[in-house]
């Protein structure tokens, strides 16, 4: 399936917050679909979206990858959340990566049942919880390739049921006849708070050409680990998994395995892991847009139009005009 790769840039002074992104993710998650057996039998294709951060020409670039038919929906949602965002389609950077096994991969999973919560941005005060991940990219070499990828899919159907069974056991004895542990009131509230937010299935993957960078990424993502809740840890990959996982990374599809199901996060947890940078992102090599204080281009800006007569204009420069790359110039007298 062809995919659109959209780069996302905001000004350095942008005051974006993870709270904004949480609202965006709640909308984007609704577009991800996984048809059942019979719809799939009749040709209904699953729809996934991928939120990514990577290095392109030594710069940290934020992107979203999706099927072309979602272009209008995705761009409108992005603009509603980030009014100063500059969006532009770019070539798929993974097409220039070496193939497996030159690429080292990691698949991140939840250490415990998916209804146990992680930390999120509410646990941090004026500190961006995504900074440790971005810090790994900012210190990578110019020849290093590195990708942080979150593929969105519908959440697990049984998470609410499993959480209810855990919070409200029918018997004081477990299947083995031993007394069941009853979660303390504060533990119950943590789970209930997580499930009160919109949920989304997330396949979390790291890819790099330098093995030691994987170790750094594992340490960076652990900042959201919660001693009284859940943790994000690397999965143990069976010998035949890496090649399949690389195909899933390139195609932006979830990695399906009985031993490693996709994580289920709420939008607050996910927005702590992926959101656009802003005034608190004090790191080098981030790909920013120009300052939003600049004057907007006039509505009558002469731009090159395909399949139109352009002989009356001298074209001399390029810019992003109405969120599209455009060549502009001056009308001849």
Protein backbone atom coordinates (compact mmCIF):
# COMPACT_ATOMS: atom_id res chain seq x y z
CA UNK A 1 0.00 0.00 0.00
CA UNK A 2 1.44 3.44 -0.90
CA UNK A 3 2.05 5.72 2.06
CA UNK A 4 2.35 9.48 2.55
CA UNK A 5 5.26 10.66 4.70
CA UNK A 6 4.51 14.13 6.06
CA UNK A 7 7.23 16.15 7.78
CA UNK A 8 6.08 18.35 10.65
CA UNK A 9 7.95 21.50 11.66
CA UNK A 10 7.08 24.19 14.17
CA UNK A 11 8.92 27.40 15.19
CA UNK A 12 11.49 27.16 17.96
CA UNK A 13 9.41 29.51 20.15
CA UNK A 14 6.25 27.43 19.75
CA UNK A 15 4.55 26.81 23.10
CA UNK A 16 3.23 23.37 22.29
CA UNK A 17 2.29 21.03 25.10
CA UNK A 18 1.68 17.28 25.39
CA UNK A 19 -1.89 18.12 26.44
CA UNK A 20 -2.53 19.44 22.93
CA UNK A 21 -1.11 16.28 21.40
CA UNK A 22 -3.31 14.09 23.62
CA UNK A 23 -6.38 15.65 21.98
CA UNK A 24 -4.83 15.12 18.54
CA UNK A 25 -4.07 11.47 19.26
CA UNK A 26 -7.62 10.84 20.40
CA UNK A 27 -8.79 11.95 16.94
CA UNK A 28 -6.08 10.13 14.98
CA UNK A 29 -6.68 6.90 16.87
CA UNK A 30 -10.24 6.79 15.54
CA UNK A 31 -8.88 6.59 11.98
CA UNK A 32 -6.91 3.42 12.73
CA UNK A 33 -8.98 0.35 11.88
CA UNK A 34 -8.48 -3.38 11.93
CA UNK A 35 -11.34 -5.09 10.05
CA UNK A 36 -12.68 -8.38 11.34
CA UNK A 37 -12.48 -11.69 9.52
CA UNK A 38 -15.43 -11.23 7.15
CA UNK A 39 -14.75 -7.57 6.17
CA UNK A 40 -11.13 -8.56 5.57
CA UNK A 41 -12.34 -11.45 3.41
CA UNK A 42 -14.19 -8.97 1.20
CA UNK A 43 -11.18 -6.72 0.68
CA UNK A 44 -11.45 -4.21 3.53
CA UNK A 45 -7.87 -3.24 4.33
CA UNK A 46 -6.65 -2.28 7.82
CA UNK A 47 -5.64 1.35 8.31
CA UNK A 48 -2.69 2.29 10.48
CA UNK A 49 -0.91 5.58 11.19
CA UNK A 50 2.69 5.91 12.28
CA UNK A 51 4.16 8.69 14.43
CA UNK A 52 7.90 8.89 13.94
CA UNK A 53 11.07 10.76 14.85
CA UNK A 54 14.20 10.21 12.79
CA UNK A 55 17.39 11.78 11.49
CA UNK A 56 17.35 13.25 7.98
CA UNK A 57 20.59 14.89 6.83
CA UNK A 58 21.71 15.17 10.45
CA UNK A 59 18.52 16.90 11.63
CA UNK A 60 15.86 15.56 14.00
CA UNK A 61 12.67 15.38 11.95
CA UNK A 62 9.15 14.65 13.21
CA UNK A 63 6.84 12.88 10.77
CA UNK A 64 3.49 11.19 10.48
CA UNK A 65 2.98 8.38 7.94
CA UNK A 66 -0.46 7.34 6.69
CA UNK A 67 -2.40 6.08 3.64
CA UNK A 68 -2.95 8.85 1.06
CA UNK A 69 -6.75 8.83 1.43
CA UNK A 70 -6.34 10.18 4.98
CA UNK A 71 -4.35 13.22 3.85
CA UNK A 72 -7.10 15.83 4.30
CA UNK A 73 -8.16 14.39 7.65
CA UNK A 74 -4.63 14.20 9.06
CA UNK A 75 -3.61 17.68 7.91
CA UNK A 76 -6.78 19.29 9.24
CA UNK A 77 -6.31 17.60 12.62
CA UNK A 78 -2.67 18.68 12.76
CA UNK A 79 -3.56 22.31 11.98
CA UNK A 80 -6.34 22.31 14.55
CA UNK A 81 -3.85 21.18 17.21
CA UNK A 82 -0.73 23.03 16.02
CA UNK A 83 -1.81 26.19 14.14
CA UNK A 84 1.83 27.11 13.44
CA UNK A 85 2.85 23.71 12.04
CA UNK A 86 4.40 23.57 8.57
CA UNK A 87 3.62 20.30 6.80
CA UNK A 88 5.29 19.01 3.66
CA UNK A 89 5.40 15.58 2.02
CA UNK A 90 8.90 14.11 1.83
CA UNK A 91 10.38 10.92 0.34
CA UNK A 92 10.32 7.87 2.58
CA UNK A 93 13.68 8.02 4.36
CA UNK A 94 13.58 4.27 5.07
CA UNK A 95 14.10 3.63 1.35
CA UNK A 96 17.73 4.75 1.81
CA UNK A 97 18.37 2.52 4.82
CA UNK A 98 20.35 -0.71 4.51
CA UNK A 99 18.35 -3.91 4.75
CA UNK A 100 18.21 -6.34 7.64
CA UNK A 101 20.50 -7.54 9.26
CA UNK A 102 22.51 -4.30 8.98
CA UNK A 103 19.70 -2.56 10.88
CA UNK A 104 19.43 -3.33 14.60
CA UNK A 105 15.87 -3.45 15.92
CA UNK A 106 14.04 -3.33 19.22
CA UNK A 107 10.37 -3.97 19.95
CA UNK A 108 9.13 -2.36 23.17
CA UNK A 109 6.43 -3.97 25.28
CA UNK A 110 4.66 -3.35 28.58
CA UNK A 111 6.13 -5.32 31.47
CA UNK A 112 2.74 -6.00 33.03
CA UNK A 113 -0.91 -6.14 31.99
CA UNK A 114 -1.76 -3.23 29.71
CA UNK A 115 -4.27 -1.70 32.12
CA UNK A 116 -1.46 -0.83 34.55
CA UNK A 117 -0.42 2.80 33.90
CA UNK A 118 2.88 4.45 33.04
CA UNK A 119 3.99 7.88 34.11
CA UNK A 120 2.84 10.67 31.83
CA UNK A 121 3.44 14.38 31.34
CA UNK A 122 1.30 15.21 34.40
CA UNK A 123 4.14 13.78 36.54
CA UNK A 124 6.61 16.32 35.15
CA UNK A 125 6.77 20.05 35.86
CA UNK A 126 8.26 22.22 33.11
CA UNK A 127 10.29 19.24 31.90
CA UNK A 128 9.58 17.60 28.56
CA UNK A 129 9.32 13.81 29.16
CA UNK A 130 10.32 13.25 25.52
CA UNK A 131 13.71 14.97 25.95
CA UNK A 132 15.63 11.77 26.85
CA UNK A 133 14.57 10.15 23.57
CA UNK A 134 15.39 13.27 21.55
CA UNK A 135 18.71 13.54 23.37
CA UNK A 136 19.80 10.19 21.91
CA UNK A 137 19.06 11.46 18.39
CA UNK A 138 20.80 14.80 18.99
CA UNK A 139 24.05 13.02 19.93
CA UNK A 140 24.02 10.55 17.03
CA UNK A 141 26.67 10.89 14.34
CA UNK A 142 25.94 12.32 10.91
CA UNK A 143 26.26 8.87 9.32
CA UNK A 144 24.11 7.13 11.94
CA UNK A 145 20.58 6.12 11.08
CA UNK A 146 18.02 6.03 13.87
CA UNK A 147 14.23 5.77 14.01
CA UNK A 148 11.66 5.99 16.80
CA UNK A 149 8.33 4.65 15.58
CA UNK A 150 4.84 4.41 17.10
CA UNK A 151 2.34 2.57 14.87
CA UNK A 152 -1.26 3.25 15.94
CA UNK A 153 -3.95 0.58 15.82
CA UNK A 154 -7.25 -0.06 17.63
CA UNK A 155 -6.77 -0.91 21.33
CA UNK A 156 -7.10 -4.45 22.65
CA UNK A 157 -10.79 -5.33 22.90
CA UNK A 158 -10.52 -7.09 26.26
CA UNK A 159 -8.58 -4.50 28.25
CA UNK A 160 -11.63 -3.05 30.03
CA UNK A 161 -12.94 -6.54 30.85
CA UNK A 162 -9.57 -7.72 32.16
CA UNK A 163 -9.17 -4.60 34.26
CA UNK A 164 -12.64 -5.04 35.76
CA UNK A 165 -11.85 -8.68 36.63
CA UNK A 166 -8.66 -7.59 38.34
CA UNK A 167 -10.31 -4.75 40.26
CA UNK A 168 -13.41 -6.76 41.21
CA UNK A 169 -12.46 -10.43 41.68
CA UNK A 170 -15.47 -12.73 41.98
CA UNK A 171 -13.76 -14.88 44.57
CA UNK A 172 -11.21 -14.26 47.26
CA UNK A 173 -9.39 -17.39 46.05
CA UNK A 174 -7.50 -17.69 42.80
CA UNK A 175 -7.62 -20.64 40.37
CA UNK A 176 -4.82 -22.30 42.35
CA UNK A 177 -6.81 -22.08 45.58
CA UNK A 178 -4.55 -19.42 47.06
CA UNK A 179 -5.92 -16.08 48.28
CA UNK A 180 -6.04 -13.46 45.55
CA UNK A 181 -4.29 -10.17 46.09
CA UNK A 182 -6.77 -7.32 46.27
CA UNK A 183 -5.33 -4.11 44.80
CA UNK A 184 -5.08 -1.24 47.30
CA UNK A 185 -7.42 1.75 46.80
CA UNK A 186 -4.62 3.90 45.36
CA UNK A 187 -3.76 1.13 42.89
CA UNK A 188 -7.39 0.91 41.79
CA UNK A 189 -7.52 4.65 41.22
CA UNK A 190 -4.39 4.56 39.03
CA UNK A 191 -5.96 1.93 36.79
CA UNK A 192 -9.33 3.69 36.69
CA UNK A 193 -7.61 6.98 35.80
CA UNK A 194 -5.75 5.34 32.92
CA UNK A 195 -8.88 3.72 31.51
CA UNK A 196 -10.87 6.97 31.79
CA UNK A 197 -8.83 8.39 28.89
CA UNK A 198 -9.13 7.31 25.22
CA UNK A 199 -7.04 4.20 24.54
CA UNK A 200 -4.97 3.31 21.50
CA UNK A 201 -2.97 0.26 20.47
CA UNK A 202 0.68 1.15 19.88
CA UNK A 203 3.47 -0.90 18.35
CA UNK A 204 6.66 0.76 19.64
CA UNK A 205 9.84 0.10 17.67
CA UNK A 206 13.38 1.45 17.61
CA UNK A 207 15.69 0.97 14.63
CA UNK A 208 19.31 2.03 14.18
CA UNK A 209 22.49 1.12 12.38
CA UNK A 210 24.53 1.49 15.59
CA UNK A 211 23.77 -1.18 18.27
CA UNK A 212 24.82 0.99 21.24
CA UNK A 213 22.14 3.54 20.33
CA UNK A 214 19.48 0.90 21.05
CA UNK A 215 20.77 0.65 24.62
CA UNK A 216 20.54 4.44 24.95
CA UNK A 217 16.96 4.45 23.62
CA UNK A 218 15.95 1.73 26.09
CA UNK A 219 17.27 3.88 28.92
CA UNK A 220 15.54 6.98 27.55
CA UNK A 221 12.10 5.39 27.30
CA UNK A 222 12.36 4.06 30.86
CA UNK A 223 11.70 7.56 32.25
CA UNK A 224 8.00 6.73 32.02
CA UNK A 225 8.37 3.55 34.09
CA UNK A 226 6.17 3.62 37.17
CA UNK A 227 7.19 1.55 40.24
CA UNK A 228 3.56 1.19 41.31
CA UNK A 229 2.30 0.64 37.76
CA UNK A 230 3.82 -0.44 34.46
CA UNK A 231 7.13 -0.25 32.63
CA UNK A 232 8.30 -0.21 29.01
CA UNK A 233 10.94 -2.86 28.33
CA UNK A 234 12.54 -4.40 25.22
CA UNK A 235 10.99 -7.65 24.05
CA UNK A 236 13.00 -10.82 23.62
CA UNK A 237 13.10 -11.39 19.87
CA UNK A 238 13.08 -14.99 18.68
CA UNK A 239 15.59 -15.76 15.88
CA UNK A 240 12.97 -15.43 13.12
CA UNK A 241 11.45 -12.20 14.47
CA UNK A 242 13.92 -9.49 13.30
CA UNK A 243 13.32 -9.95 9.56
CA UNK A 244 9.53 -9.89 10.09
CA UNK A 245 9.86 -6.89 12.40
CA UNK A 246 11.88 -4.95 9.81
CA UNK A 247 9.17 -5.58 7.20
CA UNK A 248 6.61 -4.24 9.69
CA UNK A 249 8.76 -1.15 10.35
CA UNK A 250 9.07 -0.36 6.63
CA UNK A 251 5.36 -1.00 5.90
CA UNK A 252 4.26 0.86 9.08
CA UNK A 253 2.12 -2.04 10.28
CA UNK A 254 1.86 -3.56 13.77
CA UNK A 255 4.13 -6.50 14.50
CA UNK A 256 1.77 -9.40 15.18
CA UNK A 257 2.99 -12.05 17.58
CA UNK A 258 1.30 -14.09 20.30
CA UNK A 259 4.29 -13.47 22.56
CA UNK A 260 4.50 -9.70 21.97
CA UNK A 261 1.09 -8.03 21.58
CA UNK A 262 0.98 -4.28 20.83
CA UNK A 263 1.01 -2.05 23.88
CA UNK A 264 -2.22 -0.35 24.90
CA UNK A 265 -1.65 3.20 26.08
CA UNK A 266 -3.98 6.04 26.82
CA UNK A 267 -3.49 9.27 24.89
CA UNK A 268 -1.76 10.99 27.83
CA UNK A 269 0.87 8.25 28.00
CA UNK A 270 1.41 8.24 24.24
CA UNK A 271 1.61 12.03 23.99
CA UNK A 272 4.38 11.91 26.61
CA UNK A 273 6.37 9.72 24.19
CA UNK A 274 5.57 11.62 20.97
CA UNK A 275 4.66 15.27 20.53
CA UNK A 276 6.04 18.11 18.48
CA UNK A 277 8.92 20.12 19.97
CA UNK A 278 8.65 23.62 21.34
CA UNK A 279 10.11 26.19 23.65
CA UNK A 280 11.19 23.54 26.21
CA UNK A 281 13.05 21.48 23.60
CA UNK A 282 16.49 22.95 24.17
CA UNK A 283 18.45 20.51 22.01
CA UNK A 284 20.64 20.95 18.94
CA UNK A 285 19.87 19.61 15.46
CA UNK A 286 16.06 19.85 15.67
CA UNK A 287 14.48 20.72 12.31
CA UNK A 288 12.49 23.90 13.07
CA UNK A 289 10.31 25.98 10.78
CA UNK A 290 10.86 29.72 10.35
CA UNK A 291 9.54 32.02 13.04
CA UNK A 292 5.77 32.29 13.15
CA UNK A 293 6.19 36.06 13.62
CA UNK A 294 6.95 36.43 9.91
CA UNK A 295 4.22 37.93 7.74
CA UNK A 296 2.09 35.45 5.81
CA UNK A 297 2.47 35.33 2.04
CA UNK A 298 -0.24 37.31 0.20
CA UNK A 299 -3.19 35.47 -1.28
CA UNK A 300 -2.17 36.67 -4.73
CA UNK A 301 1.39 35.28 -4.52
CA UNK A 302 2.34 34.14 -8.06
CA UNK A 303 3.15 30.42 -7.76
CA UNK A 304 3.92 27.82 -10.39
CA UNK A 305 0.81 25.80 -11.24
CA UNK A 306 0.99 22.52 -13.05
CA UNK A 307 -0.99 22.30 -16.30
CA UNK A 308 -1.33 26.10 -16.40
CA UNK A 309 0.25 28.85 -18.48
CA UNK A 310 3.12 30.31 -16.41
CA UNK A 311 4.95 32.31 -19.09
CA UNK A 312 3.97 35.65 -17.53
CA UNK A 313 5.95 34.99 -14.32
CA UNK A 314 9.67 34.93 -13.54
CA UNK A 315 10.12 32.11 -10.99
CA UNK A 316 13.17 32.39 -8.75
CA UNK A 317 12.58 30.79 -5.31
CA UNK A 318 10.72 28.13 -3.36
CA UNK A 319 8.75 28.26 -0.13
CA UNK A 320 5.94 26.50 1.71
CA UNK A 321 2.70 28.14 0.60
CA UNK A 322 -0.62 27.04 2.12
CA UNK A 323 1.19 24.03 3.58
CA UNK A 324 2.45 22.90 0.17
CA UNK A 325 5.94 23.26 -1.36
CA UNK A 326 5.66 25.93 -4.07
CA UNK A 327 7.86 27.81 -6.53
CA UNK A 328 7.04 31.53 -6.63
CA UNK A 329 8.15 34.56 -8.58
CA UNK A 330 7.27 38.01 -9.91
CA UNK A 331 4.80 38.77 -12.66
CA UNK A 332 6.35 40.24 -15.79
CA UNK A 333 5.47 43.84 -16.55
